[in-house]
Amino acid sequence: MLRVLRSQNKVVVEGINRVYRHLKPSRKNPQGGRLSKEMPVDASNVALIHPATGKPTRLGVRYLPDGSKELYAKGNKKKNIPDARIRLLSKPDAKYAKK
């Protein structure tokens, strides 16, 4: 991934959605030619990578026993791939803690 454009909810990924701009020969660029660059893709069209396997995965949100909320990469129970913690989303909250 090259860039994340949070305000537009888009990402720029290397080698994906490449466009070409054809340039006329000029004094600055006497050869002319084609200039290629990657354009943004909507973030919903990009899959995240599971930290353990390196393959695309789905995400989930769950509450821990202390009441804090975390984002995790879903594993595959049939292939014995465990869930992997991505990051903590909130501080512990007593109303979500297991009693």
Protein backbone atom coordinates (compact mmCIF):
# COMPACT_ATOMS: atom_id res chain seq x y z
CA MET A 1 0.00 0.00 0.00
CA LEU A 2 1.39 3.37 -0.97
CA ARG A 3 -1.07 5.85 0.59
CA VAL A 4 -4.27 6.00 2.61
CA LEU A 5 -6.72 8.83 1.82
CA ARG A 6 -8.94 8.79 4.92
CA SER A 7 -11.06 11.79 3.93
CA GLN A 8 -12.11 10.08 0.68
CA ASN A 9 -12.16 6.52 2.16
CA LYS A 10 -9.69 5.36 -0.50
CA VAL A 11 -6.28 3.68 -0.67
CA VAL A 12 -3.54 3.65 -3.28
CA VAL A 13 -2.10 0.16 -3.83
CA GLU A 14 1.08 -0.52 -5.78
CA GLY A 15 0.41 -2.09 -9.18
CA ILE A 16 -3.40 -1.79 -8.93
CA ASN A 17 -5.62 0.62 -10.91
CA ARG A 18 -2.73 1.91 -13.02
CA VAL A 19 -3.49 4.67 -15.52
CA TYR A 20 -1.35 6.13 -18.30
CA ARG A 21 -0.98 9.74 -19.33
CA HIS A 22 0.31 10.31 -22.84
CA LEU A 23 2.68 13.27 -23.08
CA LYS A 24 3.43 15.25 -26.21
CA PRO A 25 7.08 16.06 -26.87
CA SER A 26 8.02 19.49 -25.53
CA ARG A 27 11.13 21.42 -24.54
CA LYS A 28 10.88 20.07 -21.02
CA ASN A 29 10.26 16.51 -22.18
CA PRO A 30 11.69 16.12 -25.71
CA GLN A 31 10.89 12.40 -25.94
CA GLY A 32 7.22 12.54 -25.00
CA GLY A 33 5.85 9.14 -24.06
CA ARG A 34 3.63 7.53 -21.46
CA LEU A 35 3.65 8.37 -17.76
CA SER A 36 2.01 5.71 -15.54
CA LYS A 37 0.73 6.08 -12.01
CA GLU A 38 -1.58 4.31 -9.58
CA MET A 39 -4.98 5.81 -8.84
CA PRO A 40 -6.99 5.44 -5.61
CA VAL A 41 -9.30 2.46 -5.02
CA ASP A 42 -12.21 2.44 -2.58
CA ALA A 43 -11.17 0.99 0.78
CA SER A 44 -14.08 -1.48 0.75
CA ASN A 45 -12.50 -3.24 -2.24
CA VAL A 46 -9.28 -4.04 -0.38
CA ALA A 47 -8.84 -7.09 1.86
CA LEU A 48 -6.61 -7.03 4.93
CA ILE A 49 -3.87 -9.62 5.40
CA HIS A 50 -3.95 -12.11 8.30
CA PRO A 51 -0.75 -11.61 10.37
CA ALA A 52 -0.11 -15.35 10.85
CA THR A 53 -0.83 -16.69 7.36
CA GLY A 54 -0.22 -13.71 5.06
CA LYS A 55 -3.50 -14.40 3.23
CA PRO A 56 -6.59 -12.17 2.89
CA THR A 57 -8.93 -12.33 5.87
CA ARG A 58 -12.14 -10.92 7.33
CA LEU A 59 -12.25 -8.68 10.39
CA GLY A 60 -14.35 -8.89 13.51
CA VAL A 61 -15.00 -6.83 16.62
CA ARG A 62 -15.33 -8.40 20.07
CA TYR A 63 -15.41 -7.46 23.73
CA LEU A 64 -12.74 -8.85 26.05
CA PRO A 65 -13.51 -10.03 29.60
CA ASP A 66 -12.39 -6.67 31.06
CA GLY A 67 -14.88 -4.80 28.84
CA SER A 68 -12.43 -3.39 26.30
CA LYS A 69 -13.23 -3.69 22.60
CA GLU A 70 -10.75 -5.09 20.06
CA LEU A 71 -10.46 -5.54 16.31
CA TYR A 72 -9.30 -9.01 15.28
CA ALA A 73 -8.56 -10.98 12.12
CA LYS A 74 -10.82 -14.00 11.89
CA GLY A 75 -9.04 -17.33 11.65
CA ASN A 76 -10.14 -20.63 10.16
CA LYS A 77 -11.06 -23.34 12.65
CA LYS A 78 -11.05 -26.10 9.98
CA LYS A 79 -7.41 -25.34 9.13
CA ASN A 80 -6.41 -24.61 12.76
CA ILE A 81 -5.61 -20.95 12.04
CA PRO A 82 -6.19 -18.93 15.22
CA ASP A 83 -7.79 -15.49 15.46
CA ALA A 84 -5.23 -12.69 15.55
CA ARG A 85 -5.54 -9.41 17.44
CA ILE A 86 -5.15 -6.37 15.22
CA ARG A 87 -5.60 -3.54 17.72
CA LEU A 88 -7.48 -2.38 20.78
CA LEU A 89 -10.40 -0.09 19.89
CA SER A 90 -11.51 1.17 23.30
CA LYS A 91 -10.54 1.31 26.94
CA PRO A 92 -12.11 -1.11 29.44
CA ASP A 93 -15.76 -0.32 30.16
CA ALA A 94 -17.55 -1.87 33.14
CA LYS A 95 -20.90 -2.27 31.39
CA TYR A 96 -19.36 -4.62 28.77
CA ALA A 97 -17.21 -6.61 31.22
CA LYS A 98 -18.16 -10.22 31.86
CA LYS A 99 -19.61 -10.69 35.31
